[in-house]
Amino acid sequence: MNSRFVATAAKPAHCLADRIHSFGALVVRTWLLILLVASLLPVSGFGQSRSTPPSASGRKPAQETHTTQAATVAARNRVPALGSVEGSTVAMPVEFAAPRMTSPFSMMSPGLDPAMFYGEIYDPWRVWARAEYLMWWVDGMDTPPLITSSPAGTARDVAGVLGRPTTTILYGDDTLVDAMRPGGRFSAGYWFDWSRFHGVEATFLGLLSRDSNFEAQSPGNPILARPFTNAEPGFQGPDAELVAFPGVLTGRVESTATSSLLGVEVLYRGAWWQVCENCFDFLAGWRYLNLDESLRVGDFKTSIDTSPDTLVPIGTTLDEVDVFSTKNYFHGAEIGLLAHTRRKNWRFEALGKLAFGNTRSRATIDGSTTITVPGEPASTTPAGLLAQETNMGTYQRDVFSVVPEFGLTAGYYLTPNVHARIGYTFIYWNRVARPGDQIDTNLNLSQLEPGGLVGPALPAFQWVDTGLWIQGISLGLEGRF
């Protein structure tokens, strides 16, 4: 057997990656050597001074040789020639931005001067800032039916009761605060080195608070009511508290839902891979989100009952309020990739991030009822209708959650250092507590009697969480310095 083949078989096989790297390094070094030799040779049409003819020996003067070399480099890099004699060269047009110097993970072999690879001039910016106007939508808040109505003539014991053919839901059993929300996102970053291998960026985003308001009032016709499920032993089933009823009550009912969102990110940004204008940047850092929401339902009614068997004097008023509020705070680590490329004056980006950490949810349930009898001082009790002693209070929990984000952006360079951009962003927060989900519509009315609670302690509090999606369009400007 040939000894050459024996020796070859005895060596461990190189991995495909090592072979590709070696071949690539060889191609790059060969290409650079050709460029270096070509830059030292005279090039026809570049650098030949019209005012200085060649010498008799056929060799160009030193000044003309210097001019030729400068013009060759300038032509290759598309910048005006440096050190050329006035009138001896034609300045090439300058593109808006030179490519970013390659990272240690790219095809450039270690030890080579980046100026040899990209030319003698490159873009030296290290700071960038971005401002964006947001037109985003946030997943709306789900609620149970909270306000109902029935036409005049409906029997008092079934007026406003869910499931009855004469009952109409006026508010609730729907998604609230789901309209578009304007806002802003502001980012700034700094590269620690001129090659832009390692940097840091910070981002703040905020959406304006979105409100959903409802109000209805009636002199008795139509009938207004607040529905619930009666859990008192012996009276179980759908029920309703009247707010306005012909000849008995006049009243109004109102509800307000509010929602606001803000977030902060602080990330390390490192050049991970780059070939020419195609780049991948690695992101790692910390993310914070804050979702603050509340739901308030109240009614005010006045007795107009003139029947002799009524127990409520005419003119007695009852003001009742239920408030459900939640706050969600996310703190977590975040990793991601930013892919960006350049096509002349156009810039395109694709972003993917994943944050994972802790969501702290805090829910508060509160209520009050104020009764005013003519000629007597007002009396207030710390309970409403759906907010009772059995579920009122402040509750807190911590759960593990994840927040993925995906984004696409297109930009156009208006100047060498400023580009306009339009983008789409999608964010999902998998475990949040929202006010409407914390409402228990089961009510044991026995706790309102002088004898106290009899039967199950309802309404009760129990954590109910859901996912939250956020998506929308952004318009902005980015500048670099």
Protein backbone atom coordinates (compact mmCIF):
# COMPACT_ATOMS: atom_id res chain seq x y z
CA MET A 1 0.00 0.00 0.00
CA ASN A 2 1.19 3.47 -0.80
CA SER A 3 2.70 5.04 2.33
CA ARG A 4 1.15 8.39 1.48
CA PHE A 5 -2.33 6.95 1.81
CA VAL A 6 -1.38 5.20 5.04
CA ALA A 7 -0.19 8.44 6.59
CA THR A 8 -3.31 10.23 5.46
CA ALA A 9 -5.59 7.61 6.96
CA ALA A 10 -3.78 7.78 10.26
CA LYS A 11 -4.60 11.47 10.72
CA PRO A 12 -7.98 12.49 12.16
CA ALA A 13 -10.35 13.96 9.56
CA HIS A 14 -10.83 17.71 9.62
CA CYS A 15 -14.39 18.93 10.21
CA LEU A 16 -16.19 20.59 7.36
CA ALA A 17 -16.22 23.93 9.20
CA ASP A 18 -12.41 23.99 9.51
CA ARG A 19 -12.01 23.24 5.82
CA ILE A 20 -14.45 25.95 4.81
CA HIS A 21 -12.70 28.43 7.12
CA SER A 22 -9.26 27.57 5.70
CA PHE A 23 -10.47 27.78 2.13
CA GLY A 24 -12.26 31.04 2.82
CA ALA A 25 -9.18 32.56 4.47
CA LEU A 26 -7.07 31.50 1.48
CA VAL A 27 -9.51 33.10 -0.99
CA VAL A 28 -9.66 36.35 1.00
CA ARG A 29 -5.86 36.60 1.35
CA THR A 30 -5.43 35.91 -2.39
CA TRP A 31 -8.00 38.56 -3.25
CA LEU A 32 -6.37 41.11 -0.96
CA LEU A 33 -2.97 40.38 -2.48
CA ILE A 34 -4.36 40.95 -5.99
CA LEU A 35 -5.89 44.27 -4.88
CA LEU A 36 -2.63 45.34 -3.25
CA VAL A 37 -0.60 44.55 -6.37
CA ALA A 38 -3.18 46.22 -8.60
CA SER A 39 -3.09 49.37 -6.51
CA LEU A 40 0.67 49.65 -7.07
CA LEU A 41 0.41 49.36 -10.87
CA PRO A 42 -0.44 52.29 -13.15
CA VAL A 43 -4.08 52.29 -14.20
CA SER A 44 -5.04 53.76 -17.54
CA GLY A 45 -7.51 56.59 -17.29
CA PHE A 46 -6.95 57.33 -13.59
CA GLY A 47 -4.34 59.61 -12.12
CA GLN A 48 -2.70 60.64 -15.42
CA SER A 49 -2.11 64.37 -15.15
CA ARG A 50 -3.06 66.30 -18.24
CA SER A 51 -0.45 68.96 -17.36
CA THR A 52 2.47 66.62 -16.65
CA PRO A 53 3.51 64.41 -19.60
CA PRO A 54 5.38 61.15 -19.04
CA SER A 55 9.16 61.31 -18.84
CA ALA A 56 11.34 60.34 -21.72
CA SER A 57 12.20 57.02 -20.14
CA GLY A 58 8.51 56.04 -20.02
CA ARG A 59 8.35 56.09 -16.18
CA LYS A 60 5.82 58.35 -14.56
CA PRO A 61 6.99 61.07 -12.18
CA ALA A 62 6.69 60.35 -8.45
CA GLN A 63 3.83 62.82 -8.04
CA GLU A 64 1.90 61.20 -10.87
CA THR A 65 2.48 57.71 -9.43
CA HIS A 66 1.19 58.89 -6.06
CA THR A 67 -1.84 60.38 -7.80
CA THR A 68 -2.53 57.15 -9.68
CA GLN A 69 -2.42 55.07 -6.51
CA ALA A 70 -4.69 57.48 -4.65
CA ALA A 71 -7.17 57.51 -7.54
CA THR A 72 -7.16 53.70 -7.69
CA VAL A 73 -8.01 53.44 -4.00
CA ALA A 74 -10.61 56.18 -4.39
CA ALA A 75 -12.23 54.45 -7.34
CA ARG A 76 -12.38 51.19 -5.42
CA ASN A 77 -13.98 52.88 -2.39
CA ARG A 78 -16.05 55.40 -4.31
CA VAL A 79 -14.67 58.42 -2.46
CA PRO A 80 -12.76 61.43 -3.84
CA ALA A 81 -9.06 60.75 -4.30
CA LEU A 82 -6.77 61.85 -1.45
CA GLY A 83 -3.53 63.69 -2.23
CA SER A 84 -4.18 64.03 -5.97
CA VAL A 85 -3.06 66.98 -8.07
CA GLU A 86 -5.81 69.48 -8.76
CA GLY A 87 -7.46 68.68 -12.05
CA SER A 88 -5.79 65.28 -12.38
CA THR A 89 -8.66 63.10 -11.19
CA VAL A 90 -12.42 63.01 -11.29
CA ALA A 91 -14.02 62.67 -7.83
CA MET A 92 -16.25 59.60 -7.55
CA PRO A 93 -19.68 60.04 -5.93
CA VAL A 94 -19.85 59.22 -2.21
CA GLU A 95 -22.54 56.78 -1.09
CA PHE A 96 -24.46 57.73 2.03
CA ALA A 97 -22.67 55.36 4.40
CA ALA A 98 -19.63 53.13 4.31
CA PRO A 99 -20.13 49.57 5.55
CA ARG A 100 -19.50 48.83 9.18
CA MET A 101 -16.14 47.20 9.85
CA THR A 102 -16.41 43.45 10.04
CA SER A 103 -16.63 41.66 13.38
CA PRO A 104 -14.19 39.00 14.66
CA PHE A 105 -16.71 36.34 13.57
CA SER A 106 -16.80 37.42 9.93
CA MET A 107 -14.75 36.30 6.94
CA MET A 108 -11.85 38.69 7.55
CA SER A 109 -8.72 36.92 8.70
CA PRO A 110 -7.23 38.07 12.02
CA GLY A 111 -4.44 40.60 11.86
CA LEU A 112 -5.50 42.35 8.65
CA ASP A 113 -5.93 46.08 8.65
CA PRO A 114 -9.64 46.90 8.20
CA ALA A 115 -8.64 49.90 6.08
CA MET A 116 -7.10 47.47 3.55
CA PHE A 117 -10.37 45.53 3.42
CA TYR A 118 -12.77 48.47 3.13
CA GLY A 119 -10.48 51.23 1.95
CA GLU A 120 -8.81 54.11 3.69
CA ILE A 121 -12.03 55.84 4.80
CA TYR A 122 -14.92 54.36 6.81
CA ASP A 123 -17.88 55.80 8.72
CA PRO A 124 -16.70 56.57 12.30
CA TRP A 125 -20.06 57.02 14.12
CA ARG A 126 -20.46 55.50 17.61
CA VAL A 127 -23.72 56.96 19.01
CA TRP A 128 -27.24 56.46 17.71
CA ALA A 129 -30.66 57.71 18.83
CA ARG A 130 -34.15 56.85 17.66
CA ALA A 131 -37.63 58.33 18.26
CA GLU A 132 -40.81 56.60 17.11
CA TYR A 133 -44.52 57.41 17.15
CA LEU A 134 -46.54 54.31 18.00
CA MET A 135 -49.98 53.33 16.79
CA TRP A 136 -50.49 50.16 18.79
CA TRP A 137 -53.38 47.96 19.82
CA VAL A 138 -53.48 46.16 23.17
CA ASP A 139 -55.61 43.09 23.82
CA GLY A 140 -58.86 44.33 25.38
CA MET A 141 -60.17 43.60 28.86
CA ASP A 142 -62.90 40.96 29.15
CA THR A 143 -65.70 41.49 31.69
CA PRO A 144 -68.89 39.73 32.74
CA PRO A 145 -72.26 41.45 32.13
CA LEU A 146 -72.34 44.45 34.46
CA ILE A 147 -75.35 46.59 33.44
CA THR A 148 -78.65 45.42 31.97
CA SER A 149 -81.97 46.91 30.89
CA SER A 150 -85.57 45.78 30.42
CA PRO A 151 -88.59 47.55 28.90
CA ALA A 152 -91.41 49.00 30.94
CA GLY A 153 -93.98 46.39 31.85
CA THR A 154 -91.42 43.75 32.81
CA ALA A 155 -92.22 42.09 36.12
CA ARG A 156 -90.16 43.42 38.99
CA ASP A 157 -88.76 40.03 40.02
CA VAL A 158 -87.31 39.31 36.52
CA ALA A 159 -86.38 42.84 35.42
CA GLY A 160 -82.74 42.99 34.30
CA VAL A 161 -82.16 39.30 35.07
CA LEU A 162 -79.80 37.53 32.68
CA GLY A 163 -81.32 34.84 30.55
CA ARG A 164 -84.73 36.48 30.34
CA PRO A 165 -85.97 37.34 26.82
CA THR A 166 -86.74 40.92 27.87
CA THR A 167 -83.22 41.60 29.22
CA THR A 168 -80.62 43.50 27.21
CA ILE A 169 -76.95 43.76 28.22
CA LEU A 170 -75.91 47.42 28.10
CA TYR A 171 -72.36 47.11 29.40
CA GLY A 172 -69.98 44.19 29.92
CA ASP A 173 -69.91 40.71 28.43
CA ASP A 174 -67.59 42.32 25.91
CA THR A 175 -64.01 43.48 25.37
CA LEU A 176 -63.18 46.92 26.77
CA VAL A 177 -60.31 49.39 26.08
CA ASP A 178 -59.35 47.63 22.84
CA ALA A 179 -59.08 50.72 20.60
CA MET A 180 -55.82 51.92 19.06
CA ARG A 181 -53.51 53.66 21.53
CA PRO A 182 -50.97 56.30 20.51
CA GLY A 183 -47.63 56.32 22.25
CA GLY A 184 -43.90 56.73 21.84
CA ARG A 185 -40.74 54.65 21.88
CA PHE A 186 -37.32 56.22 22.40
CA SER A 187 -33.98 54.43 22.05
CA ALA A 188 -30.34 55.44 22.35
CA GLY A 189 -27.12 53.47 22.08
CA TYR A 190 -23.36 53.72 22.21
CA TRP A 191 -20.62 51.59 20.66
CA PHE A 192 -17.62 51.13 22.95
CA ASP A 193 -15.20 50.74 20.02
CA TRP A 194 -14.86 52.38 16.62
CA SER A 195 -15.26 49.02 14.91
CA ARG A 196 -18.73 48.73 16.48
CA PHE A 197 -18.21 45.26 17.89
CA HIS A 198 -19.56 45.93 21.41
CA GLY A 199 -22.18 48.43 22.53
CA VAL A 200 -25.13 49.13 24.79
CA GLU A 201 -28.63 50.46 24.10
CA ALA A 202 -31.59 51.55 26.21
CA THR A 203 -35.24 51.82 25.17
CA PHE A 204 -38.32 53.35 26.78
CA LEU A 205 -41.85 52.88 25.46
CA GLY A 206 -45.14 54.20 26.74
CA LEU A 207 -48.73 54.13 25.53
CA LEU A 208 -51.25 56.76 26.50
CA SER A 209 -53.89 55.60 28.95
CA ARG A 210 -57.01 54.35 27.22
CA ASP A 211 -60.43 54.78 28.88
CA SER A 212 -63.78 53.12 28.23
CA ASN A 213 -66.72 55.01 29.72
CA PHE A 214 -70.40 54.21 29.93
CA GLU A 215 -73.33 56.01 31.57
CA ALA A 216 -77.07 55.53 31.53
CA GLN A 217 -79.85 57.17 33.51
CA SER A 218 -83.57 56.68 33.67
CA PRO A 219 -86.61 58.12 35.49
CA GLY A 220 -87.88 54.55 35.75
CA ASN A 221 -88.52 53.73 32.11
CA PRO A 222 -86.50 52.00 30.74
CA ILE A 223 -85.56 49.73 33.60
CA LEU A 224 -81.90 49.71 34.63
CA ALA A 225 -80.31 46.97 36.71
CA ARG A 226 -77.04 45.36 37.78
CA PRO A 227 -77.12 41.57 37.30
CA PHE A 228 -75.54 38.89 39.53
CA THR A 229 -76.05 35.26 40.52
CA ASN A 230 -77.75 34.86 43.89
CA ALA A 231 -75.94 32.31 46.06
CA GLU A 232 -78.04 32.71 49.21
CA PRO A 233 -79.42 29.33 50.34
CA GLY A 234 -83.01 28.95 49.15
CA PHE A 235 -82.74 31.77 46.59
CA GLN A 236 -80.04 30.49 44.23
CA GLY A 237 -80.19 31.57 40.60
CA PRO A 238 -79.90 34.59 38.32
CA ASP A 239 -80.89 37.85 39.97
CA ALA A 240 -80.46 41.62 39.59
CA GLU A 241 -80.34 44.76 41.69
CA LEU A 242 -82.66 47.45 40.37
CA VAL A 243 -81.31 50.93 39.67
CA ALA A 244 -84.37 52.42 37.93
CA PHE A 245 -87.89 51.00 37.85
CA PRO A 246 -91.25 52.67 37.06
CA GLY A 247 -92.86 54.08 40.20
CA VAL A 248 -90.14 52.72 42.47
CA LEU A 249 -86.69 54.11 41.62
CA THR A 250 -85.04 56.70 39.45
CA GLY A 251 -81.34 56.36 38.93
CA ARG A 252 -78.22 56.31 36.87
CA VAL A 253 -75.43 53.81 36.42
CA GLU A 254 -71.91 54.39 35.16
CA SER A 255 -68.73 52.46 34.52
CA THR A 256 -65.15 53.38 33.66
CA ALA A 257 -62.31 51.08 32.55
CA THR A 258 -58.75 52.37 32.23
CA SER A 259 -55.54 50.76 30.98
CA SER A 260 -51.96 51.98 30.59
CA LEU A 261 -48.71 50.29 29.54
CA LEU A 262 -45.04 51.22 29.69
CA GLY A 263 -41.75 49.38 29.34
CA VAL A 264 -37.97 49.75 29.63
CA GLU A 265 -35.08 47.76 28.15
CA VAL A 266 -31.32 47.93 28.73
CA LEU A 267 -29.38 45.65 26.39
CA TYR A 268 -25.84 44.73 25.44
CA ARG A 269 -25.41 44.72 21.66
CA GLY A 270 -22.58 42.82 20.04
CA ALA A 271 -21.65 42.26 16.40
CA TRP A 272 -22.11 38.50 16.00
CA TRP A 273 -21.74 37.91 12.25
CA GLN A 274 -21.31 40.11 9.21
CA VAL A 275 -20.59 39.75 5.52
CA CYS A 276 -20.52 43.05 3.66
CA GLU A 277 -23.77 44.84 4.54
CA ASN A 278 -25.54 41.75 5.92
CA CYS A 279 -25.26 41.77 9.72
CA PHE A 280 -26.47 39.87 12.75
CA ASP A 281 -26.20 41.53 16.18
CA PHE A 282 -26.59 39.60 19.42
CA LEU A 283 -28.70 41.22 22.17
CA ALA A 284 -28.76 40.41 25.88
CA GLY A 285 -29.96 42.34 28.89
CA TRP A 286 -32.95 43.24 31.08
CA ARG A 287 -36.59 44.03 30.32
CA TYR A 288 -39.33 45.68 32.39
CA LEU A 289 -43.05 45.98 31.63
CA ASN A 290 -45.82 47.64 33.64
CA LEU A 291 -49.54 47.10 32.94
CA ASP A 292 -51.85 49.19 35.15
CA GLU A 293 -55.61 48.73 34.79
CA SER A 294 -58.81 49.39 36.70
CA LEU A 295 -62.57 48.90 36.38
CA ARG A 296 -65.10 50.98 38.34
CA VAL A 297 -68.86 50.35 38.36
CA GLY A 298 -71.24 52.56 40.32
CA ASP A 299 -74.89 53.44 40.58
CA PHE A 300 -76.92 56.18 42.25
CA LYS A 301 -80.66 55.75 42.84
CA THR A 302 -83.47 57.64 44.54
CA SER A 303 -86.61 56.12 46.02
CA ILE A 304 -89.91 57.38 44.55
CA ASP A 305 -92.07 54.57 45.90
CA THR A 306 -95.31 55.95 47.36
CA SER A 307 -96.94 52.64 48.24
CA PRO A 308 -98.04 52.36 51.89
CA ASP A 309 -96.13 49.10 52.47
CA THR A 310 -92.72 50.43 51.39
CA LEU A 311 -89.92 50.35 53.95
CA VAL A 312 -87.84 53.03 52.20
CA PRO A 313 -88.89 56.67 52.68
CA ILE A 314 -89.40 58.76 49.57
CA GLY A 315 -86.27 60.70 48.66
CA THR A 316 -83.85 58.17 50.18
CA THR A 317 -80.72 57.90 48.05
CA LEU A 318 -78.24 55.05 47.72
CA ASP A 319 -74.77 55.56 46.19
CA GLU A 320 -72.96 52.29 45.48
CA VAL A 321 -69.44 51.76 44.03
CA ASP A 322 -67.33 48.69 43.15
CA VAL A 323 -63.66 49.09 42.15
CA PHE A 324 -61.43 46.34 40.74
CA SER A 325 -57.83 47.22 39.88
CA THR A 326 -54.77 45.22 38.87
CA LYS A 327 -51.10 46.03 38.42
CA ASN A 328 -48.64 43.70 36.66
CA TYR A 329 -44.86 44.18 36.82
CA PHE A 330 -42.49 42.09 34.71
CA HIS A 331 -38.75 41.91 35.42
CA GLY A 332 -36.68 39.50 33.39
CA ALA A 333 -33.59 38.64 31.40
CA GLU A 334 -33.76 39.07 27.64
CA ILE A 335 -31.84 37.68 24.67
CA GLY A 336 -32.34 38.26 20.98
CA LEU A 337 -30.98 38.69 17.47
CA LEU A 338 -31.16 41.74 15.22
CA ALA A 339 -30.63 41.11 11.51
CA HIS A 340 -30.08 44.18 9.35
CA THR A 341 -28.99 44.77 5.80
CA ARG A 342 -28.39 47.70 3.46
CA ARG A 343 -29.43 48.10 -0.18
CA LYS A 344 -28.15 51.44 -1.39
CA ASN A 345 -30.19 53.98 0.62
CA TRP A 346 -32.64 51.40 1.96
CA ARG A 347 -32.22 49.65 5.30
CA PHE A 348 -34.12 46.55 6.43
CA GLU A 349 -34.27 44.99 9.90
CA ALA A 350 -35.75 41.87 11.44
CA LEU A 351 -35.82 41.57 15.23
CA GLY A 352 -36.53 38.61 17.48
CA LYS A 353 -36.29 38.70 21.29
CA LEU A 354 -37.34 36.53 24.21
CA ALA A 355 -37.58 37.76 27.80
CA PHE A 356 -38.16 35.38 30.70
CA GLY A 357 -38.55 36.23 34.35
CA ASN A 358 -41.02 37.09 37.09
CA THR A 359 -44.42 38.76 36.83
CA ARG A 360 -45.68 40.26 40.06
CA SER A 361 -49.45 40.78 39.96
CA ARG A 362 -51.32 42.87 42.50
CA ALA A 363 -55.13 42.95 42.63
CA THR A 364 -57.20 45.33 44.77
CA ILE A 365 -60.95 45.04 45.32
CA ASP A 366 -62.78 47.80 47.11
CA GLY A 367 -66.34 49.06 47.48
CA SER A 368 -68.63 51.35 49.40
CA THR A 369 -72.31 52.10 49.86
CA THR A 370 -73.64 55.42 51.15
CA ILE A 371 -77.29 55.66 52.19
CA THR A 372 -78.89 59.05 52.87
CA VAL A 373 -82.36 59.20 54.43
CA PRO A 374 -84.03 62.62 54.34
CA GLY A 375 -83.48 64.42 57.63
CA GLU A 376 -80.76 62.02 58.79
CA PRO A 377 -76.97 61.97 58.40
CA ALA A 378 -75.50 59.82 55.64
CA SER A 379 -74.37 56.30 56.52
CA THR A 380 -71.49 54.61 54.69
CA THR A 381 -70.57 50.93 54.77
CA PRO A 382 -67.34 49.47 53.28
CA ALA A 383 -68.99 47.25 50.68
CA GLY A 384 -70.62 47.70 47.29
CA LEU A 385 -72.55 45.13 45.29
CA LEU A 386 -69.90 42.80 43.82
CA ALA A 387 -67.23 43.99 46.28
CA GLN A 388 -68.09 42.52 49.69
CA GLU A 389 -66.18 41.63 52.83
CA THR A 390 -65.70 38.12 51.47
CA ASN A 391 -63.56 39.27 48.52
CA MET A 392 -62.37 42.82 49.30
CA GLY A 393 -58.69 43.44 49.96
CA THR A 394 -55.30 43.52 48.23
CA TYR A 395 -53.79 40.32 46.87
CA GLN A 396 -50.31 39.70 45.45
CA ARG A 397 -48.56 36.82 43.71
CA ASP A 398 -45.40 36.07 41.71
CA VAL A 399 -45.38 33.79 38.67
CA PHE A 400 -42.83 32.84 36.01
CA SER A 401 -43.68 34.27 32.62
CA VAL A 402 -42.19 34.86 29.19
CA VAL A 403 -42.40 37.85 26.82
CA PRO A 404 -41.44 37.17 23.19
CA GLU A 405 -41.19 40.03 20.70
CA PHE A 406 -40.96 40.10 16.90
CA GLY A 407 -40.46 43.11 14.66
CA LEU A 408 -39.89 44.11 11.04
CA THR A 409 -38.63 47.54 9.93
CA ALA A 410 -37.85 49.29 6.65
CA GLY A 411 -35.90 52.54 6.51
CA TYR A 412 -34.68 55.06 3.95
CA TYR A 413 -31.61 57.29 4.42
CA LEU A 414 -32.53 60.95 4.10
CA THR A 415 -28.94 62.04 4.83
CA PRO A 416 -25.77 60.04 5.48
CA ASN A 417 -26.61 59.90 9.20
CA VAL A 418 -30.41 60.09 9.38
CA HIS A 419 -32.98 57.63 8.11
CA ALA A 420 -36.76 57.50 8.32
CA ARG A 421 -38.31 54.19 9.32
CA ILE A 422 -41.61 52.36 9.43
CA GLY A 423 -42.07 49.14 11.33
CA TYR A 424 -44.36 46.51 12.80
CA THR A 425 -44.03 45.06 16.30
CA PHE A 426 -45.74 42.13 18.01
CA ILE A 427 -45.31 41.42 21.77
CA TYR A 428 -46.95 38.69 23.84
CA TRP A 429 -47.03 38.55 27.66
CA ASN A 430 -48.24 35.12 28.66
CA ARG A 431 -49.48 35.60 32.28
CA VAL A 432 -51.15 38.79 33.46
CA ALA A 433 -54.08 39.49 35.82
CA ARG A 434 -56.77 41.85 34.52
CA PRO A 435 -59.60 43.52 36.47
CA GLY A 436 -62.53 41.99 34.62
CA ASP A 437 -61.25 38.46 35.24
CA GLN A 438 -61.13 39.02 39.02
CA ILE A 439 -64.87 39.77 39.32
CA ASP A 440 -66.99 37.08 40.96
CA THR A 441 -70.65 37.65 40.09
CA ASN A 442 -71.84 35.08 42.65
CA LEU A 443 -73.32 36.98 45.62
CA ASN A 444 -74.61 35.60 48.91
CA LEU A 445 -77.10 38.29 49.99
CA SER A 446 -77.38 36.88 53.51
CA GLN A 447 -74.26 38.78 54.53
CA LEU A 448 -76.21 42.03 54.06
CA GLU A 449 -78.76 41.00 56.67
CA PRO A 450 -78.39 41.80 60.40
CA GLY A 451 -77.90 38.10 61.16
CA GLY A 452 -74.76 37.88 59.02
CA LEU A 453 -73.52 35.39 56.46
CA VAL A 454 -75.34 32.10 56.05
CA GLY A 455 -74.01 29.65 53.48
CA PRO A 456 -71.01 30.04 51.12
CA ALA A 457 -68.75 33.07 51.47
CA LEU A 458 -69.42 34.64 48.10
CA PRO A 459 -68.26 36.58 46.22
CA ALA A 460 -64.77 35.13 46.61
CA PHE A 461 -61.39 36.09 45.21
CA GLN A 462 -59.47 33.68 43.01
CA TRP A 463 -56.60 34.48 40.70
CA VAL A 464 -57.49 34.29 37.03
CA ASP A 465 -54.73 35.11 34.54
CA THR A 466 -54.67 35.42 30.79
CA GLY A 467 -52.30 36.24 27.95
CA LEU A 468 -51.83 39.77 26.63
CA TRP A 469 -50.87 40.61 23.05
CA ILE A 470 -49.62 44.00 21.88
CA GLN A 471 -49.11 44.90 18.23
CA GLY A 472 -48.96 47.89 15.97
CA ILE A 473 -47.15 50.17 13.57
CA SER A 474 -44.37 52.65 14.33
CA LEU A 475 -43.10 55.69 12.42
CA GLY A 476 -39.82 57.31 13.36
CA LEU A 477 -36.40 58.76 12.68
CA GLU A 478 -32.97 57.45 13.64
CA GLY A 479 -29.79 59.46 13.71
CA ARG A 480 -26.17 58.48 14.32
CA PHE A 481 -23.27 60.62 15.42
